[in-house]
């Protein structure tokens, strides 16, 4: 009986030590995608992968914005509308009908997600400015990147997604009614 108790104690001690080591390493490791690559998924379109070279070749915009109590920074990146256009989702005409129920879901490496109604991005409706940024004050992003979503008009930066890995257009329309 004493031997079983000792064996259980020893096993518990070993497991506790292993969990502690894993937790310490997980806390020290930054959550990054490693390279500036974002996956684009849209209904009825082939999935795309935009790498750093492709993003660098797209038109960039500069905005000045601040998150929380940080001083304002100069951010540089590609408009979300331009990225969606690469995936075959064009916002060059006013949205109508079923398209008004679609939304864009942006996912980070740690699975944090935010959503924008496609109508929010339409220039004739919400026209929310959203950028996929890759620079801050002229330098590549470090802990927040390599890619970060930036919504400069938000009062609170809850939708400023760090380490963006995927952008999906989702058909939110349904034929079922509650």
C-alpha atoms as a PDB file:
ATOM      1  CA  UNK A   1       0.000   0.000   0.000  1.00  0.00           C
ATOM      2  CA  UNK A   2       2.779   2.432   0.926  1.00  0.00           C
ATOM      3  CA  UNK A   3       4.590   1.554  -2.301  1.00  0.00           C
ATOM      4  CA  UNK A   4       1.490   2.432  -4.418  1.00  0.00           C
ATOM      5  CA  UNK A   5       1.152   5.759  -2.631  1.00  0.00           C
ATOM      6  CA  UNK A   6       4.842   6.503  -3.223  1.00  0.00           C
ATOM      7  CA  UNK A   7       4.533   5.571  -6.936  1.00  0.00           C
ATOM      8  CA  UNK A   8       1.506   7.864  -7.351  1.00  0.00           C
ATOM      9  CA  UNK A   9       3.342  10.679  -5.571  1.00  0.00           C
ATOM     10  CA  UNK A  10       6.430  10.245  -7.773  1.00  0.00           C
ATOM     11  CA  UNK A  11       4.318  10.118 -10.960  1.00  0.00           C
ATOM     12  CA  UNK A  12       2.426  13.272  -9.920  1.00  0.00           C
ATOM     13  CA  UNK A  13       5.698  15.058  -9.173  1.00  0.00           C
ATOM     14  CA  UNK A  14       7.146  14.120 -12.583  1.00  0.00           C
ATOM     15  CA  UNK A  15       3.973  15.238 -14.388  1.00  0.00           C
ATOM     16  CA  UNK A  16       3.930  18.516 -12.472  1.00  0.00           C
ATOM     17  CA  UNK A  17       7.543  19.171 -13.460  1.00  0.00           C
ATOM     18  CA  UNK A  18       6.853  18.381 -17.116  1.00  0.00           C
ATOM     19  CA  UNK A  19       3.831  20.704 -17.175  1.00  0.00           C
ATOM     20  CA  UNK A  20       5.878  23.492 -15.571  1.00  0.00           C
ATOM     21  CA  UNK A  21       8.618  23.156 -18.196  1.00  0.00           C
ATOM     22  CA  UNK A  22       6.051  23.231 -21.028  1.00  0.00           C
ATOM     23  CA  UNK A  23       4.284  26.255 -19.539  1.00  0.00           C
ATOM     24  CA  UNK A  24       7.543  28.193 -19.173  1.00  0.00           C
ATOM     25  CA  UNK A  25       8.548  27.482 -22.785  1.00  0.00           C
ATOM     26  CA  UNK A  26       5.074  28.390 -24.076  1.00  0.00           C
ATOM     27  CA  UNK A  27       5.122  31.687 -22.170  1.00  0.00           C
ATOM     28  CA  UNK A  28       8.556  32.583 -23.561  1.00  0.00           C
ATOM     29  CA  UNK A  29       7.765  31.721 -27.186  1.00  0.00           C
ATOM     30  CA  UNK A  30       6.248  34.607 -29.154  1.00  0.00           C
ATOM     31  CA  UNK A  31       3.204  33.820 -31.254  1.00  0.00           C
ATOM     32  CA  UNK A  32       4.237  34.647 -34.811  1.00  0.00           C
ATOM     33  CA  UNK A  33       3.652  33.212 -38.208  1.00  0.00           C
ATOM     34  CA  UNK A  34       7.373  33.373 -38.997  1.00  0.00           C
ATOM     35  CA  UNK A  35       6.929  34.827 -42.460  1.00  0.00           C
ATOM     36  CA  UNK A  36       4.588  37.463 -43.820  1.00  0.00           C
ATOM     37  CA  UNK A  37       2.024  35.169 -45.424  1.00  0.00           C
ATOM     38  CA  UNK A  38      -1.732  35.419 -45.242  1.00  0.00           C
ATOM     39  CA  UNK A  39      -4.251  32.905 -46.585  1.00  0.00           C
ATOM     40  CA  UNK A  40      -7.283  34.260 -48.469  1.00  0.00           C
ATOM     41  CA  UNK A  41     -10.469  32.248 -48.730  1.00  0.00           C
ATOM     42  CA  UNK A  42     -13.644  33.324 -50.542  1.00  0.00           C
ATOM     43  CA  UNK A  43     -16.735  31.315 -51.528  1.00  0.00           C
ATOM     44  CA  UNK A  44     -16.485  29.855 -55.024  1.00  0.00           C
ATOM     45  CA  UNK A  45     -12.929  31.123 -55.500  1.00  0.00           C
ATOM     46  CA  UNK A  46      -9.632  29.235 -55.247  1.00  0.00           C
ATOM     47  CA  UNK A  47      -7.779  29.872 -51.977  1.00  0.00           C
ATOM     48  CA  UNK A  48      -4.797  32.195 -52.268  1.00  0.00           C
ATOM     49  CA  UNK A  49      -1.663  32.749 -50.254  1.00  0.00           C
ATOM     50  CA  UNK A  50      -0.174  36.228 -50.272  1.00  0.00           C
ATOM     51  CA  UNK A  51       3.479  36.324 -49.247  1.00  0.00           C
ATOM     52  CA  UNK A  52       5.648  39.296 -48.278  1.00  0.00           C
ATOM     53  CA  UNK A  53       6.827  39.852 -51.861  1.00  0.00           C
ATOM     54  CA  UNK A  54       3.270  39.949 -53.225  1.00  0.00           C
ATOM     55  CA  UNK A  55       2.123  42.291 -50.454  1.00  0.00           C
ATOM     56  CA  UNK A  56       5.138  44.560 -51.019  1.00  0.00           C
ATOM     57  CA  UNK A  57       4.129  44.899 -54.682  1.00  0.00           C
ATOM     58  CA  UNK A  58       0.623  46.069 -53.809  1.00  0.00           C
ATOM     59  CA  UNK A  59      -0.242  49.744 -53.236  1.00  0.00           C
ATOM     60  CA  UNK A  60       0.552  50.770 -49.654  1.00  0.00           C
ATOM     61  CA  UNK A  61      -1.099  53.465 -47.578  1.00  0.00           C
ATOM     62  CA  UNK A  62       0.313  55.246 -44.551  1.00  0.00           C
ATOM     63  CA  UNK A  63      -1.779  56.176 -41.512  1.00  0.00           C
ATOM     64  CA  UNK A  64      -0.982  57.677 -38.159  1.00  0.00           C
ATOM     65  CA  UNK A  65      -2.718  55.892 -35.299  1.00  0.00           C
ATOM     66  CA  UNK A  66      -2.217  54.911 -31.670  1.00  0.00           C
ATOM     67  CA  UNK A  67      -3.316  51.920 -29.621  1.00  0.00           C
ATOM     68  CA  UNK A  68      -4.124  52.256 -25.923  1.00  0.00           C
ATOM     69  CA  UNK A  69      -1.697  54.634 -24.190  1.00  0.00           C
ATOM     70  CA  UNK A  70       1.084  54.297 -26.773  1.00  0.00           C
ATOM     71  CA  UNK A  71       2.262  57.338 -28.696  1.00  0.00           C
ATOM     72  CA  UNK A  72       0.942  57.641 -32.250  1.00  0.00           C
ATOM     73  CA  UNK A  73       2.909  55.684 -34.850  1.00  0.00           C
ATOM     74  CA  UNK A  74       3.140  55.754 -38.630  1.00  0.00           C
ATOM     75  CA  UNK A  75       1.732  52.453 -39.938  1.00  0.00           C
ATOM     76  CA  UNK A  76       2.093  51.225 -43.534  1.00  0.00           C
ATOM     77  CA  UNK A  77       0.081  48.547 -45.242  1.00  0.00           C
ATOM     78  CA  UNK A  78      -2.356  47.374 -47.881  1.00  0.00           C
ATOM     79  CA  UNK A  79      -6.065  48.220 -47.830  1.00  0.00           C
ATOM     80  CA  UNK A  80      -8.271  45.246 -46.999  1.00  0.00           C
ATOM     81  CA  UNK A  81     -10.383  46.043 -50.081  1.00  0.00           C
ATOM     82  CA  UNK A  82      -7.316  45.576 -52.292  1.00  0.00           C
ATOM     83  CA  UNK A  83      -6.546  42.238 -50.639  1.00  0.00           C
ATOM     84  CA  UNK A  84     -10.133  41.073 -51.102  1.00  0.00           C
ATOM     85  CA  UNK A  85      -9.921  42.092 -54.762  1.00  0.00           C
ATOM     86  CA  UNK A  86      -6.947  39.699 -55.149  1.00  0.00           C
ATOM     87  CA  UNK A  87      -9.215  36.938 -53.844  1.00  0.00           C
ATOM     88  CA  UNK A  88     -11.852  37.799 -56.458  1.00  0.00           C
ATOM     89  CA  UNK A  89     -14.141  39.768 -54.124  1.00  0.00           C
ATOM     90  CA  UNK A  90     -14.492  43.186 -55.692  1.00  0.00           C
ATOM     91  CA  UNK A  91     -15.950  46.188 -53.900  1.00  0.00           C
ATOM     92  CA  UNK A  92     -15.761  48.500 -56.922  1.00  0.00           C
ATOM     93  CA  UNK A  93     -19.572  48.465 -57.315  1.00  0.00           C
ATOM     94  CA  UNK A  94     -22.127  49.108 -54.551  1.00  0.00           C
ATOM     95  CA  UNK A  95     -23.146  45.905 -52.776  1.00  0.00           C
ATOM     96  CA  UNK A  96     -26.702  44.694 -53.248  1.00  0.00           C
ATOM     97  CA  UNK A  97     -28.896  41.795 -52.256  1.00  0.00           C
ATOM     98  CA  UNK A  98     -27.272  38.655 -50.916  1.00  0.00           C
ATOM     99  CA  UNK A  99     -23.801  40.241 -50.800  1.00  0.00           C
ATOM    100  CA  UNK A 100     -25.025  42.540 -48.004  1.00  0.00           C
ATOM    101  CA  UNK A 101     -25.173  39.501 -45.692  1.00  0.00           C
ATOM    102  CA  UNK A 102     -21.553  38.481 -46.325  1.00  0.00           C
ATOM    103  CA  UNK A 103     -18.788  39.173 -43.850  1.00  0.00           C
ATOM    104  CA  UNK A 104     -15.011  39.072 -43.600  1.00  0.00           C
ATOM    105  CA  UNK A 105     -13.426  37.047 -40.795  1.00  0.00           C
ATOM    106  CA  UNK A 106      -9.797  37.776 -39.915  1.00  0.00           C
ATOM    107  CA  UNK A 107      -7.910  35.156 -37.892  1.00  0.00           C
ATOM    108  CA  UNK A 108      -4.631  35.470 -35.992  1.00  0.00           C
ATOM    109  CA  UNK A 109      -1.998  32.828 -35.264  1.00  0.00           C
ATOM    110  CA  UNK A 110      -3.433  32.436 -31.739  1.00  0.00           C
ATOM    111  CA  UNK A 111      -6.949  31.949 -33.250  1.00  0.00           C
ATOM    112  CA  UNK A 112      -8.174  35.410 -32.163  1.00  0.00           C
ATOM    113  CA  UNK A 113     -10.837  36.469 -34.668  1.00  0.00           C
ATOM    114  CA  UNK A 114     -12.702  39.598 -35.681  1.00  0.00           C
ATOM    115  CA  UNK A 115     -15.457  40.146 -38.209  1.00  0.00           C
ATOM    116  CA  UNK A 116     -16.391  42.990 -40.575  1.00  0.00           C
ATOM    117  CA  UNK A 117     -19.603  43.095 -42.565  1.00  0.00           C
ATOM    118  CA  UNK A 118     -18.692  43.301 -46.250  1.00  0.00           C
ATOM    119  CA  UNK A 119     -21.044  46.308 -46.344  1.00  0.00           C
ATOM    120  CA  UNK A 120     -18.829  48.016 -43.733  1.00  0.00           C
ATOM    121  CA  UNK A 121     -16.006  48.027 -46.283  1.00  0.00           C
ATOM    122  CA  UNK A 122     -18.168  49.181 -49.235  1.00  0.00           C
ATOM    123  CA  UNK A 123     -17.304  52.766 -50.228  1.00  0.00           C
ATOM    124  CA  UNK A 124     -21.014  53.617 -50.663  1.00  0.00           C
ATOM    125  CA  UNK A 125     -22.028  52.278 -47.235  1.00  0.00           C
ATOM    126  CA  UNK A 126     -19.740  52.009 -44.197  1.00  0.00           C
ATOM    127  CA  UNK A 127     -16.414  52.669 -45.920  1.00  0.00           C
ATOM    128  CA  UNK A 128     -14.463  51.593 -42.830  1.00  0.00           C
ATOM    129  CA  UNK A 129     -10.725  52.019 -43.327  1.00  0.00           C
ATOM    130  CA  UNK A 130      -8.990  48.692 -42.643  1.00  0.00           C
ATOM    131  CA  UNK A 131      -5.333  48.001 -43.433  1.00  0.00           C
ATOM    132  CA  UNK A 132      -3.184  44.898 -43.299  1.00  0.00           C
ATOM    133  CA  UNK A 133       0.005  46.565 -42.078  1.00  0.00           C
ATOM    134  CA  UNK A 134       3.549  45.269 -42.301  1.00  0.00           C
ATOM    135  CA  UNK A 135       5.480  48.330 -41.078  1.00  0.00           C
ATOM    136  CA  UNK A 136       5.434  50.622 -38.067  1.00  0.00           C
ATOM    137  CA  UNK A 137       7.464  53.826 -38.179  1.00  0.00           C
ATOM    138  CA  UNK A 138       9.160  52.563 -41.335  1.00  0.00           C
ATOM    139  CA  UNK A 139      10.339  49.269 -39.812  1.00  0.00           C
ATOM    140  CA  UNK A 140       8.949  45.734 -40.194  1.00  0.00           C
ATOM    141  CA  UNK A 141       6.627  44.704 -37.382  1.00  0.00           C
ATOM    142  CA  UNK A 142       8.279  42.765 -34.591  1.00  0.00           C
ATOM    143  CA  UNK A 143       6.101  41.345 -31.806  1.00  0.00           C
ATOM    144  CA  UNK A 144       2.848  42.330 -33.506  1.00  0.00           C
ATOM    145  CA  UNK A 145       3.617  40.849 -36.889  1.00  0.00           C
ATOM    146  CA  UNK A 146       4.740  40.143 -39.409  1.00  0.00           C
ATOM    147  CA  UNK A 147       1.200  41.210 -40.411  1.00  0.00           C
ATOM    148  CA  UNK A 148      -1.307  43.137 -38.327  1.00  0.00           C
ATOM    149  CA  UNK A 149      -4.795  44.338 -39.048  1.00  0.00           C
ATOM    150  CA  UNK A 150      -5.275  48.017 -38.283  1.00  0.00           C
ATOM    151  CA  UNK A 151      -8.589  49.877 -38.018  1.00  0.00           C
ATOM    152  CA  UNK A 152      -7.543  53.479 -37.338  1.00  0.00           C
ATOM    153  CA  UNK A 153     -11.121  54.758 -36.926  1.00  0.00           C
ATOM    154  CA  UNK A 154     -11.927  52.429 -34.013  1.00  0.00           C
ATOM    155  CA  UNK A 155     -12.107  54.127 -30.620  1.00  0.00           C
ATOM    156  CA  UNK A 156     -10.629  50.996 -29.045  1.00  0.00           C
ATOM    157  CA  UNK A 157      -8.102  48.754 -30.869  1.00  0.00           C
ATOM    158  CA  UNK A 158      -9.966  45.479 -30.218  1.00  0.00           C
ATOM    159  CA  UNK A 159      -9.992  44.722 -33.961  1.00  0.00           C
ATOM    160  CA  UNK A 160      -6.275  45.465 -34.407  1.00  0.00           C
ATOM    161  CA  UNK A 161      -5.456  41.780 -34.894  1.00  0.00           C
ATOM    162  CA  UNK A 162      -1.807  40.801 -34.370  1.00  0.00           C
ATOM    163  CA  UNK A 163      -0.105  38.045 -36.369  1.00  0.00           C
ATOM    164  CA  UNK A 164      -2.805  37.752 -39.052  1.00  0.00           C
ATOM    165  CA  UNK A 165      -2.743  34.379 -40.788  1.00  0.00           C
ATOM    166  CA  UNK A 166      -6.094  34.152 -42.594  1.00  0.00           C
ATOM    167  CA  UNK A 167      -8.720  36.375 -44.167  1.00  0.00           C
ATOM    168  CA  UNK A 168     -11.993  34.706 -45.158  1.00  0.00           C
ATOM    169  CA  UNK A 169     -15.076  36.010 -46.891  1.00  0.00           C
ATOM    170  CA  UNK A 170     -18.081  34.162 -45.505  1.00  0.00           C
ATOM    171  CA  UNK A 171     -21.537  34.022 -47.061  1.00  0.00           C
ATOM    172  CA  UNK A 172     -23.722  34.984 -44.111  1.00  0.00           C
ATOM    173  CA  UNK A 173     -26.965  34.682 -46.078  1.00  0.00           C
ATOM    174  CA  UNK A 174     -29.368  31.943 -45.176  1.00  0.00           C
ATOM    175  CA  UNK A 175     -32.657  30.755 -46.571  1.00  0.00           C
ATOM    176  CA  UNK A 176     -33.872  29.731 -43.122  1.00  0.00           C
ATOM    177  CA  UNK A 177     -35.730  32.249 -41.015  1.00  0.00           C
ATOM    178  CA  UNK A 178     -36.009  32.111 -37.214  1.00  0.00           C
END
